[in-house]
Amino acid sequence: MTELKENALPVSKVMKVIDYIEAHLKDDREGVLDNATLARVAGYSEYHFLRLFRVTVSLTPADYIRKRRLTEIIRRIGDSARPMSDIAFEYGFNSKENFTRAFKTEHNILPTQFREVSCSLRLYEPFDPDPAEPTPAVSLAFLQDFTLIVYPSDIHFPPHFWNRYNAEGRSARLSGGRIVEDYGAMRWDPQKNCLDYFIGIREEDATGDRTGTVELSIKGGLYALFDTAPAGQHDFVDTIRRTWDWIGAVWLPQNGYRRSGGFELESYVESGRDYSERIYIPLIKE
C-alpha cells in the first residue's frame, strides 16, 4: 500500500471521512458537510482535522467537496438530457449563476460549451490512498525533425488550455475542417521559472486558418513513447496525469535514461473518442 504523507490522517480515518462525504454529496443542509461535522466523523478537533485533511488529500474539505460535486454533475450532464441547472441544484448549487461560476473557475469553459463539444475534463474521483499504477504501453523510437503549428498558452494550467482549445474548435480551424492529431508541446523555461506550453497540429496538416499561431520546431532523436491505457471520457484526463507522474517517478529512474531537455509532447485525437494519448519524452542515456 502507498504510504501517506507525514502528518497525514490515518487511512482508516481519512476513508471514514471520504465515505461520509460521498454519502452526503447531495445533502446541502446546514451542518451536514461543514468542517466541525467532518472533524467529529474523523475523531479530531476541527483545527487538527483541517490541517491533516489538507496534508492527506492536498485540498481543503470545502474544495474537495466542490470538486466532487462538479465531477458528479459533469457525469450526469453527459448521460442525461435533463437541464443542467436541475442537476446542479440536486448537488447543492442554489442558483444557475453559482454553478456556472464554479464550473468556469474549475474548467475554464462554460457548462454549455462542455455539453456542445463533450470534451474530456479533469475530474476528481473519490480520494484513494492506494491508487493503482497506470499501465501504458512503452516503446523507444528515433524520430525525425518535424514542425508543429501551435497556439501559445496564456493559461498556467495546461488542462484548462486544452479545454479552451477543444471548446473553440481550434483544431478544425487549423486543419481546414479535417480530423487530425492534436499535439501539446511543453518545455520548462528556467529564466521565467514556468512551463511553456503550446497546442496545435503538425505543419503538413495545417491547411486552414493559422491566425494566432507560431511555428514550433521539434528536434528529432531518441524518444520514449508511452501510450496511455484506454480510458473513458470521464477518467481520461486523470489517466494522463497519473501516467506523467509514473514516468517521472518510476520509469525514468528504473531504465537508465534521463530527459534531454527538449520539448516533451502529448498527442491524441479528441474527436476520435479513443481516449488514449501518446506521450513523447526525448531521452539521453545515463
C-alpha atoms as a PDB file:
ATOM      1  CA  MET A   1       0.000   0.000   0.000  1.00  0.00           C
ATOM      2  CA  THR A   2       1.207   3.531  -0.776  1.00  0.00           C
ATOM      3  CA  GLU A   3       2.367   5.332   2.342  1.00  0.00           C
ATOM      4  CA  LEU A   4       0.510   8.504   3.166  1.00  0.00           C
ATOM      5  CA  LYS A   5       2.416  11.735   3.678  1.00  0.00           C
ATOM      6  CA  GLU A   6       3.947  12.508   7.033  1.00  0.00           C
ATOM      7  CA  ASN A   7       1.412  14.081   9.425  1.00  0.00           C
ATOM      8  CA  ALA A   8      -1.451  12.783   7.259  1.00  0.00           C
ATOM      9  CA  LEU A   9      -4.702  11.311   8.531  1.00  0.00           C
ATOM     10  CA  PRO A  10      -4.501   7.538   9.139  1.00  0.00           C
ATOM     11  CA  VAL A  11      -6.037   5.547   6.292  1.00  0.00           C
ATOM     12  CA  SER A  12      -8.980   4.367   8.394  1.00  0.00           C
ATOM     13  CA  LYS A  13      -9.779   7.925   9.468  1.00  0.00           C
ATOM     14  CA  VAL A  14      -9.480   9.541   6.056  1.00  0.00           C
ATOM     15  CA  MET A  15     -11.587   6.846   4.399  1.00  0.00           C
ATOM     16  CA  LYS A  16     -14.256   7.227   7.077  1.00  0.00           C
ATOM     17  CA  VAL A  17     -14.481  10.929   6.191  1.00  0.00           C
ATOM     18  CA  ILE A  18     -14.381  10.278   2.441  1.00  0.00           C
ATOM     19  CA  ASP A  19     -17.162   7.681   2.702  1.00  0.00           C
ATOM     20  CA  TYR A  20     -19.246  10.103   4.773  1.00  0.00           C
ATOM     21  CA  ILE A  21     -18.774  12.891   2.200  1.00  0.00           C
ATOM     22  CA  GLU A  22     -19.735  10.563  -0.665  1.00  0.00           C
ATOM     23  CA  ALA A  23     -22.903   9.534   1.161  1.00  0.00           C
ATOM     24  CA  HIS A  24     -23.913  13.181   1.616  1.00  0.00           C
ATOM     25  CA  LEU A  25     -22.782  14.860  -1.632  1.00  0.00           C
ATOM     26  CA  LYS A  26     -26.385  15.791  -2.449  1.00  0.00           C
ATOM     27  CA  ASP A  27     -27.185  16.996   1.072  1.00  0.00           C
ATOM     28  CA  ASP A  28     -26.839  20.781   1.307  1.00  0.00           C
ATOM     29  CA  ARG A  29     -28.433  21.144   4.739  1.00  0.00           C
ATOM     30  CA  GLU A  30     -26.501  23.314   7.156  1.00  0.00           C
ATOM     31  CA  GLY A  31     -24.161  21.338   9.382  1.00  0.00           C
ATOM     32  CA  VAL A  32     -24.063  18.146   7.283  1.00  0.00           C
ATOM     33  CA  LEU A  33     -20.758  18.718   5.484  1.00  0.00           C
ATOM     34  CA  ASP A  34     -19.236  21.552   7.478  1.00  0.00           C
ATOM     35  CA  ASN A  35     -15.741  21.324   8.949  1.00  0.00           C
ATOM     36  CA  ALA A  36     -16.946  20.748  12.501  1.00  0.00           C
ATOM     37  CA  THR A  37     -19.068  17.744  11.461  1.00  0.00           C
ATOM     38  CA  LEU A  38     -16.304  16.217   9.343  1.00  0.00           C
ATOM     39  CA  ALA A  39     -13.868  16.651  12.232  1.00  0.00           C
ATOM     40  CA  ARG A  40     -16.233  14.738  14.523  1.00  0.00           C
ATOM     41  CA  VAL A  41     -16.522  11.959  11.935  1.00  0.00           C
ATOM     42  CA  ALA A  42     -12.704  11.691  11.897  1.00  0.00           C
ATOM     43  CA  GLY A  43     -12.439  11.909  15.666  1.00  0.00           C
ATOM     44  CA  TYR A  44     -10.228  15.023  15.749  1.00  0.00           C
ATOM     45  CA  SER A  45     -10.525  18.602  16.827  1.00  0.00           C
ATOM     46  CA  GLU A  46     -11.531  20.891  13.968  1.00  0.00           C
ATOM     47  CA  TYR A  47      -8.089  22.574  13.971  1.00  0.00           C
ATOM     48  CA  HIS A  48      -6.157  19.311  13.686  1.00  0.00           C
ATOM     49  CA  PHE A  49      -8.622  17.778  11.236  1.00  0.00           C
ATOM     50  CA  LEU A  50      -8.334  20.677   8.769  1.00  0.00           C
ATOM     51  CA  ARG A  51      -4.540  20.558   8.864  1.00  0.00           C
ATOM     52  CA  LEU A  52      -4.328  16.769   8.481  1.00  0.00           C
ATOM     53  CA  PHE A  53      -7.006  16.571   5.794  1.00  0.00           C
ATOM     54  CA  ARG A  54      -5.194  19.129   3.663  1.00  0.00           C
ATOM     55  CA  VAL A  55      -1.888  17.253   4.042  1.00  0.00           C
ATOM     56  CA  THR A  56      -3.569  13.956   3.134  1.00  0.00           C
ATOM     57  CA  VAL A  57      -5.833  14.971   0.257  1.00  0.00           C
ATOM     58  CA  SER A  58      -3.967  18.111  -0.926  1.00  0.00           C
ATOM     59  CA  LEU A  59      -7.257  20.028  -0.777  1.00  0.00           C
ATOM     60  CA  THR A  60      -9.338  21.681   1.915  1.00  0.00           C
ATOM     61  CA  PRO A  61     -12.577  19.839   2.731  1.00  0.00           C
ATOM     62  CA  ALA A  62     -14.593  22.590   1.010  1.00  0.00           C
ATOM     63  CA  ASP A  63     -12.504  22.372  -2.164  1.00  0.00           C
ATOM     64  CA  TYR A  64     -12.708  18.575  -2.164  1.00  0.00           C
ATOM     65  CA  ILE A  65     -16.499  18.625  -1.799  1.00  0.00           C
ATOM     66  CA  ARG A  66     -16.872  21.245  -4.545  1.00  0.00           C
ATOM     67  CA  LYS A  67     -14.684  19.271  -6.970  1.00  0.00           C
ATOM     68  CA  ARG A  68     -16.501  16.018  -6.213  1.00  0.00           C
ATOM     69  CA  ARG A  69     -19.907  17.645  -6.714  1.00  0.00           C
ATOM     70  CA  LEU A  70     -18.831  19.197 -10.016  1.00  0.00           C
ATOM     71  CA  THR A  71     -17.471  15.822 -11.122  1.00  0.00           C
ATOM     72  CA  GLU A  72     -20.757  14.035 -10.472  1.00  0.00           C
ATOM     73  CA  ILE A  73     -22.711  16.828 -12.178  1.00  0.00           C
ATOM     74  CA  ILE A  74     -20.485  16.504 -15.259  1.00  0.00           C
ATOM     75  CA  ARG A  75     -21.093  12.755 -15.392  1.00  0.00           C
ATOM     76  CA  ARG A  76     -24.840  13.345 -15.359  1.00  0.00           C
ATOM     77  CA  ILE A  77     -24.708  16.166 -17.885  1.00  0.00           C
ATOM     78  CA  GLY A  78     -23.144  13.714 -20.327  1.00  0.00           C
ATOM     79  CA  ASP A  79     -25.597  10.922 -19.524  1.00  0.00           C
ATOM     80  CA  SER A  80     -28.860  12.862 -19.372  1.00  0.00           C
ATOM     81  CA  ALA A  81     -30.959  15.337 -21.334  1.00  0.00           C
ATOM     82  CA  ARG A  82     -32.078  16.988 -18.087  1.00  0.00           C
ATOM     83  CA  PRO A  83     -31.453  20.744 -17.762  1.00  0.00           C
ATOM     84  CA  MET A  84     -28.012  21.361 -16.284  1.00  0.00           C
ATOM     85  CA  SER A  85     -29.465  23.701 -13.669  1.00  0.00           C
ATOM     86  CA  ASP A  86     -31.647  20.867 -12.337  1.00  0.00           C
ATOM     87  CA  ILE A  87     -28.666  18.540 -11.974  1.00  0.00           C
ATOM     88  CA  ALA A  88     -26.599  21.295 -10.323  1.00  0.00           C
ATOM     89  CA  PHE A  89     -29.411  22.064  -7.875  1.00  0.00           C
ATOM     90  CA  GLU A  90     -29.543  18.364  -6.947  1.00  0.00           C
ATOM     91  CA  TYR A  91     -25.886  18.634  -5.866  1.00  0.00           C
ATOM     92  CA  GLY A  92     -26.245  21.708  -3.713  1.00  0.00           C
ATOM     93  CA  PHE A  93     -25.778  24.648  -6.105  1.00  0.00           C
ATOM     94  CA  ASN A  94     -28.587  27.023  -5.206  1.00  0.00           C
ATOM     95  CA  SER A  95     -28.535  29.013  -8.451  1.00  0.00           C
ATOM     96  CA  LYS A  96     -27.587  28.618 -12.092  1.00  0.00           C
ATOM     97  CA  GLU A  97     -25.201  31.555 -11.721  1.00  0.00           C
ATOM     98  CA  ASN A  98     -23.301  29.957  -8.819  1.00  0.00           C
ATOM     99  CA  PHE A  99     -22.971  26.691 -10.721  1.00  0.00           C
ATOM    100  CA  THR A 100     -21.798  28.402 -13.926  1.00  0.00           C
ATOM    101  CA  ARG A 101     -19.229  30.421 -11.977  1.00  0.00           C
ATOM    102  CA  ALA A 102     -17.881  27.337 -10.182  1.00  0.00           C
ATOM    103  CA  PHE A 103     -17.738  25.314 -13.421  1.00  0.00           C
ATOM    104  CA  LYS A 104     -15.921  28.096 -15.310  1.00  0.00           C
ATOM    105  CA  THR A 105     -13.416  28.525 -12.455  1.00  0.00           C
ATOM    106  CA  GLU A 106     -12.730  24.777 -12.354  1.00  0.00           C
ATOM    107  CA  HIS A 107     -12.513  24.048 -16.098  1.00  0.00           C
ATOM    108  CA  ASN A 108     -12.073  27.394 -17.912  1.00  0.00           C
ATOM    109  CA  ILE A 109     -15.076  26.764 -20.168  1.00  0.00           C
ATOM    110  CA  LEU A 110     -18.811  27.211 -19.665  1.00  0.00           C
ATOM    111  CA  PRO A 111     -21.118  24.270 -18.915  1.00  0.00           C
ATOM    112  CA  THR A 112     -22.931  24.950 -22.190  1.00  0.00           C
ATOM    113  CA  GLN A 113     -19.650  24.646 -24.103  1.00  0.00           C
ATOM    114  CA  PHE A 114     -18.971  21.301 -22.448  1.00  0.00           C
ATOM    115  CA  ARG A 115     -22.400  19.989 -23.399  1.00  0.00           C
ATOM    116  CA  GLU A 116     -21.898  21.183 -27.002  1.00  0.00           C
ATOM    117  CA  VAL A 117     -18.468  19.619 -27.627  1.00  0.00           C
ATOM    118  CA  SER A 118     -18.424  16.892 -24.934  1.00  0.00           C
ATOM    119  CA  CYS A 119     -14.675  17.302 -24.409  1.00  0.00           C
ATOM    120  CA  SER A 120     -12.631  15.464 -21.779  1.00  0.00           C
ATOM    121  CA  LEU A 121     -12.369  17.354 -18.489  1.00  0.00           C
ATOM    122  CA  ARG A 122     -10.166  16.723 -15.484  1.00  0.00           C
ATOM    123  CA  LEU A 123     -12.475  15.180 -12.908  1.00  0.00           C
ATOM    124  CA  TYR A 124     -11.934  14.275  -9.255  1.00  0.00           C
ATOM    125  CA  GLU A 125     -12.763  10.744  -8.214  1.00  0.00           C
ATOM    126  CA  PRO A 126     -13.188   9.875  -4.525  1.00  0.00           C
ATOM    127  CA  PHE A 127      -9.816  10.081  -2.795  1.00  0.00           C
ATOM    128  CA  ASP A 128      -7.922   6.777  -2.904  1.00  0.00           C
ATOM    129  CA  PRO A 129      -4.879   6.379  -0.613  1.00  0.00           C
ATOM    130  CA  ASP A 130      -3.580   3.481  -2.725  1.00  0.00           C
ATOM    131  CA  PRO A 131      -4.364   4.152  -6.408  1.00  0.00           C
ATOM    132  CA  ALA A 132      -3.392   1.557  -8.992  1.00  0.00           C
ATOM    133  CA  GLU A 133      -0.364   2.407 -11.115  1.00  0.00           C
ATOM    134  CA  PRO A 134      -1.077   3.238 -14.759  1.00  0.00           C
ATOM    135  CA  THR A 135      -0.074   0.621 -17.312  1.00  0.00           C
ATOM    136  CA  PRO A 136       0.981   2.442 -20.500  1.00  0.00           C
ATOM    137  CA  ALA A 137       2.492   0.629 -23.455  1.00  0.00           C
ATOM    138  CA  VAL A 138       6.157   1.753 -23.681  1.00  0.00           C
ATOM    139  CA  SER A 139       8.474   1.781 -26.683  1.00  0.00           C
ATOM    140  CA  LEU A 140      11.636   3.572 -27.856  1.00  0.00           C
ATOM    141  CA  ALA A 141      11.898   5.253 -31.252  1.00  0.00           C
ATOM    142  CA  PHE A 142      14.174   7.574 -33.226  1.00  0.00           C
ATOM    143  CA  LEU A 143      12.098  10.441 -34.597  1.00  0.00           C
ATOM    144  CA  GLN A 144      12.955  12.809 -37.439  1.00  0.00           C
ATOM    145  CA  ASP A 145      12.738  16.582 -37.029  1.00  0.00           C
ATOM    146  CA  PHE A 146       9.243  17.969 -37.586  1.00  0.00           C
ATOM    147  CA  THR A 147       7.328  21.225 -37.153  1.00  0.00           C
ATOM    148  CA  LEU A 148       4.133  21.993 -35.267  1.00  0.00           C
ATOM    149  CA  ILE A 149       1.806  24.925 -35.874  1.00  0.00           C
ATOM    150  CA  VAL A 150       0.656  25.834 -32.394  1.00  0.00           C
ATOM    151  CA  TYR A 151      -1.180  28.291 -30.186  1.00  0.00           C
ATOM    152  CA  PRO A 152       0.960  29.521 -27.241  1.00  0.00           C
ATOM    153  CA  SER A 153      -0.818  29.016 -23.925  1.00  0.00           C
ATOM    154  CA  ASP A 154      -1.715  32.044 -21.842  1.00  0.00           C
ATOM    155  CA  ILE A 155      -3.049  29.831 -19.033  1.00  0.00           C
ATOM    156  CA  HIS A 156      -0.915  28.428 -16.220  1.00  0.00           C
ATOM    157  CA  PHE A 157      -2.764  25.075 -16.042  1.00  0.00           C
ATOM    158  CA  PRO A 158      -2.460  23.055 -19.310  1.00  0.00           C
ATOM    159  CA  PRO A 159      -5.780  21.138 -18.933  1.00  0.00           C
ATOM    160  CA  HIS A 160      -7.594  24.476 -18.900  1.00  0.00           C
ATOM    161  CA  PHE A 161      -5.888  25.459 -22.154  1.00  0.00           C
ATOM    162  CA  TRP A 162      -6.896  22.113 -23.716  1.00  0.00           C
ATOM    163  CA  ASN A 163     -10.497  22.784 -22.642  1.00  0.00           C
ATOM    164  CA  ARG A 164     -10.489  26.146 -24.402  1.00  0.00           C
ATOM    165  CA  TYR A 165      -8.729  24.717 -27.485  1.00  0.00           C
ATOM    166  CA  ASN A 166     -11.360  21.984 -27.840  1.00  0.00           C
ATOM    167  CA  ALA A 167     -14.363  24.146 -26.953  1.00  0.00           C
ATOM    168  CA  GLU A 168     -13.388  26.772 -29.556  1.00  0.00           C
ATOM    169  CA  GLY A 169     -12.785  24.176 -32.281  1.00  0.00           C
ATOM    170  CA  ARG A 170      -9.226  25.334 -32.886  1.00  0.00           C
ATOM    171  CA  SER A 171      -8.049  22.017 -34.304  1.00  0.00           C
ATOM    172  CA  ALA A 172     -10.633  22.130 -37.098  1.00  0.00           C
ATOM    173  CA  ARG A 173      -9.813  25.794 -37.694  1.00  0.00           C
ATOM    174  CA  LEU A 174      -6.138  24.942 -38.205  1.00  0.00           C
ATOM    175  CA  SER A 175      -6.767  21.842 -40.324  1.00  0.00           C
ATOM    176  CA  GLY A 176      -9.414  23.348 -42.552  1.00  0.00           C
ATOM    177  CA  GLY A 177     -12.113  21.158 -41.012  1.00  0.00           C
ATOM    178  CA  ARG A 178     -10.337  17.800 -41.162  1.00  0.00           C
ATOM    179  CA  ILE A 179      -9.904  15.485 -38.168  1.00  0.00           C
ATOM    180  CA  VAL A 180      -6.182  15.341 -37.363  1.00  0.00           C
ATOM    181  CA  GLU A 181      -3.961  14.548 -34.401  1.00  0.00           C
ATOM    182  CA  ASP A 182      -3.507  17.331 -31.851  1.00  0.00           C
ATOM    183  CA  TYR A 183      -0.223  17.897 -30.038  1.00  0.00           C
ATOM    184  CA  GLY A 184       0.601  19.510 -26.733  1.00  0.00           C
ATOM    185  CA  ALA A 185       4.256  20.595 -26.550  1.00  0.00           C
ATOM    186  CA  MET A 186       5.951  21.691 -23.345  1.00  0.00           C
ATOM    187  CA  ARG A 187       9.348  22.765 -22.103  1.00  0.00           C
ATOM    188  CA  TRP A 188      10.462  24.247 -18.798  1.00  0.00           C
ATOM    189  CA  ASP A 189      11.754  27.816 -19.072  1.00  0.00           C
ATOM    190  CA  PRO A 190      14.324  28.309 -16.272  1.00  0.00           C
ATOM    191  CA  GLN A 191      14.548  32.051 -16.875  1.00  0.00           C
ATOM    192  CA  LYS A 192      10.823  32.590 -16.401  1.00  0.00           C
ATOM    193  CA  ASN A 193      10.603  29.675 -13.931  1.00  0.00           C
ATOM    194  CA  CYS A 194       7.490  28.318 -15.601  1.00  0.00           C
ATOM    195  CA  LEU A 195       6.302  25.769 -18.148  1.00  0.00           C
ATOM    196  CA  ASP A 196       5.974  26.967 -21.743  1.00  0.00           C
ATOM    197  CA  TYR A 197       3.019  25.102 -23.243  1.00  0.00           C
ATOM    198  CA  PHE A 198       1.632  25.031 -26.782  1.00  0.00           C
ATOM    199  CA  ILE A 199      -1.203  23.177 -28.537  1.00  0.00           C
ATOM    200  CA  GLY A 200      -1.615  22.622 -32.256  1.00  0.00           C
ATOM    201  CA  ILE A 201      -1.116  20.222 -35.157  1.00  0.00           C
ATOM    202  CA  ARG A 202       1.666  19.126 -37.482  1.00  0.00           C
ATOM    203  CA  GLU A 203       2.676  21.614 -40.163  1.00  0.00           C
ATOM    204  CA  GLU A 204       1.638  19.315 -43.025  1.00  0.00           C
ATOM    205  CA  ASP A 205      -1.898  19.149 -41.555  1.00  0.00           C
ATOM    206  CA  ALA A 206      -2.228  22.908 -41.021  1.00  0.00           C
ATOM    207  CA  THR A 207      -4.018  23.870 -44.249  1.00  0.00           C
ATOM    208  CA  GLY A 208      -6.586  26.147 -42.565  1.00  0.00           C
ATOM    209  CA  ASP A 209      -6.518  29.424 -40.625  1.00  0.00           C
ATOM    210  CA  ARG A 210      -3.199  29.912 -38.789  1.00  0.00           C
ATOM    211  CA  THR A 211      -4.117  33.225 -37.154  1.00  0.00           C
ATOM    212  CA  GLY A 212      -2.625  33.493 -33.658  1.00  0.00           C
ATOM    213  CA  THR A 213      -0.225  30.561 -34.094  1.00  0.00           C
ATOM    214  CA  VAL A 214       3.540  30.153 -34.156  1.00  0.00           C
ATOM    215  CA  GLU A 215       5.830  27.530 -35.670  1.00  0.00           C
ATOM    216  CA  LEU A 216       7.498  25.162 -33.225  1.00  0.00           C
ATOM    217  CA  SER A 217      10.470  23.082 -34.378  1.00  0.00           C
ATOM    218  CA  ILE A 218      10.654  19.673 -32.702  1.00  0.00           C
ATOM    219  CA  LYS A 219      14.123  18.159 -32.740  1.00  0.00           C
ATOM    220  CA  GLY A 220      14.452  14.520 -33.748  1.00  0.00           C
ATOM    221  CA  GLY A 221      16.359  11.870 -31.827  1.00  0.00           C
ATOM    222  CA  LEU A 222      15.701   9.138 -29.296  1.00  0.00           C
ATOM    223  CA  TYR A 223      12.278   9.275 -27.658  1.00  0.00           C
ATOM    224  CA  ALA A 224      10.401   7.087 -25.222  1.00  0.00           C
ATOM    225  CA  LEU A 225       6.782   6.693 -26.316  1.00  0.00           C
ATOM    226  CA  PHE A 226       4.074   5.986 -23.754  1.00  0.00           C
ATOM    227  CA  ASP A 227       0.573   5.066 -24.934  1.00  0.00           C
ATOM    228  CA  THR A 228      -1.808   5.543 -22.046  1.00  0.00           C
ATOM    229  CA  ALA A 229      -4.175   2.762 -21.080  1.00  0.00           C
ATOM    230  CA  PRO A 230      -7.634   3.032 -22.671  1.00  0.00           C
ATOM    231  CA  ALA A 231      -9.938   5.200 -20.600  1.00  0.00           C
ATOM    232  CA  GLY A 232     -13.454   6.617 -20.641  1.00  0.00           C
ATOM    233  CA  GLN A 233     -14.318  10.234 -21.267  1.00  0.00           C
ATOM    234  CA  HIS A 234     -14.595  10.990 -17.570  1.00  0.00           C
ATOM    235  CA  ASP A 235     -11.323   9.399 -16.414  1.00  0.00           C
ATOM    236  CA  PHE A 236      -9.161  10.205 -19.464  1.00  0.00           C
ATOM    237  CA  VAL A 237      -7.531  13.364 -18.099  1.00  0.00           C
ATOM    238  CA  ASP A 238      -6.778  11.719 -14.751  1.00  0.00           C
ATOM    239  CA  THR A 239      -5.210   8.737 -16.570  1.00  0.00           C
ATOM    240  CA  ILE A 240      -2.928  11.164 -18.427  1.00  0.00           C
ATOM    241  CA  ARG A 241      -1.916  12.910 -15.198  1.00  0.00           C
ATOM    242  CA  ARG A 242      -1.137   9.640 -13.420  1.00  0.00           C
ATOM    243  CA  THR A 243       0.885   8.409 -16.425  1.00  0.00           C
ATOM    244  CA  TRP A 244       3.043  11.540 -16.390  1.00  0.00           C
ATOM    245  CA  ASP A 245       3.621  11.045 -12.647  1.00  0.00           C
ATOM    246  CA  TRP A 246       4.540   7.380 -13.222  1.00  0.00           C
ATOM    247  CA  ILE A 247       7.022   8.285 -15.977  1.00  0.00           C
ATOM    248  CA  GLY A 248       8.919  10.665 -13.712  1.00  0.00           C
ATOM    249  CA  ALA A 249       8.735   8.644 -10.504  1.00  0.00           C
ATOM    250  CA  VAL A 250       9.031   5.068 -11.795  1.00  0.00           C
ATOM    251  CA  TRP A 251      10.005   4.573 -15.432  1.00  0.00           C
ATOM    252  CA  LEU A 252      12.838   7.068 -15.841  1.00  0.00           C
ATOM    253  CA  PRO A 253      14.662   6.160 -12.584  1.00  0.00           C
ATOM    254  CA  GLN A 254      14.449   2.440 -13.369  1.00  0.00           C
ATOM    255  CA  ASN A 255      15.511   2.431 -17.027  1.00  0.00           C
ATOM    256  CA  GLY A 256      18.821   4.277 -17.223  1.00  0.00           C
ATOM    257  CA  TYR A 257      17.661   7.350 -19.165  1.00  0.00           C
ATOM    258  CA  ARG A 258      17.155  10.995 -18.372  1.00  0.00           C
ATOM    259  CA  ARG A 259      15.247  13.763 -20.043  1.00  0.00           C
ATOM    260  CA  SER A 260      17.234  15.554 -22.753  1.00  0.00           C
ATOM    261  CA  GLY A 261      15.662  18.934 -22.069  1.00  0.00           C
ATOM    262  CA  GLY A 262      13.911  19.190 -25.432  1.00  0.00           C
ATOM    263  CA  PHE A 263      10.192  19.616 -25.996  1.00  0.00           C
ATOM    264  CA  GLU A 264       8.065  16.863 -24.441  1.00  0.00           C
ATOM    265  CA  LEU A 265       4.857  16.057 -26.258  1.00  0.00           C
ATOM    266  CA  GLU A 266       1.417  14.584 -25.769  1.00  0.00           C
ATOM    267  CA  SER A 267      -0.875  13.814 -28.671  1.00  0.00           C
ATOM    268  CA  TYR A 268      -4.323  12.394 -29.335  1.00  0.00           C
ATOM    269  CA  VAL A 269      -7.404  12.882 -31.499  1.00  0.00           C
ATOM    270  CA  GLU A 270     -10.087  14.489 -29.323  1.00  0.00           C
ATOM    271  CA  SER A 271     -12.922  13.958 -31.797  1.00  0.00           C
ATOM    272  CA  GLY A 272     -11.894  10.339 -32.332  1.00  0.00           C
ATOM    273  CA  ARG A 273     -13.124   9.414 -28.844  1.00  0.00           C
ATOM    274  CA  ASP A 274     -10.420   6.756 -28.443  1.00  0.00           C
ATOM    275  CA  TYR A 275      -9.456   8.220 -25.053  1.00  0.00           C
ATOM    276  CA  SER A 276      -5.844   7.185 -25.290  1.00  0.00           C
ATOM    277  CA  GLU A 277      -2.903   9.558 -25.505  1.00  0.00           C
ATOM    278  CA  ARG A 278       0.689   9.159 -26.656  1.00  0.00           C
ATOM    279  CA  ILE A 279       3.381  10.860 -24.577  1.00  0.00           C
ATOM    280  CA  TYR A 280       6.807  11.579 -26.086  1.00  0.00           C
ATOM    281  CA  ILE A 281       9.882  12.081 -23.870  1.00  0.00           C
ATOM    282  CA  PRO A 282      13.206  12.964 -25.564  1.00  0.00           C
ATOM    283  CA  LEU A 283      15.964  10.919 -23.896  1.00  0.00           C
ATOM    284  CA  ILE A 284      19.662  10.814 -23.156  1.00  0.00           C
ATOM    285  CA  LYS A 285      21.231   7.552 -21.975  1.00  0.00           C
ATOM    286  CA  GLU A 286      22.672   7.817 -18.456  1.00  0.00           C
END
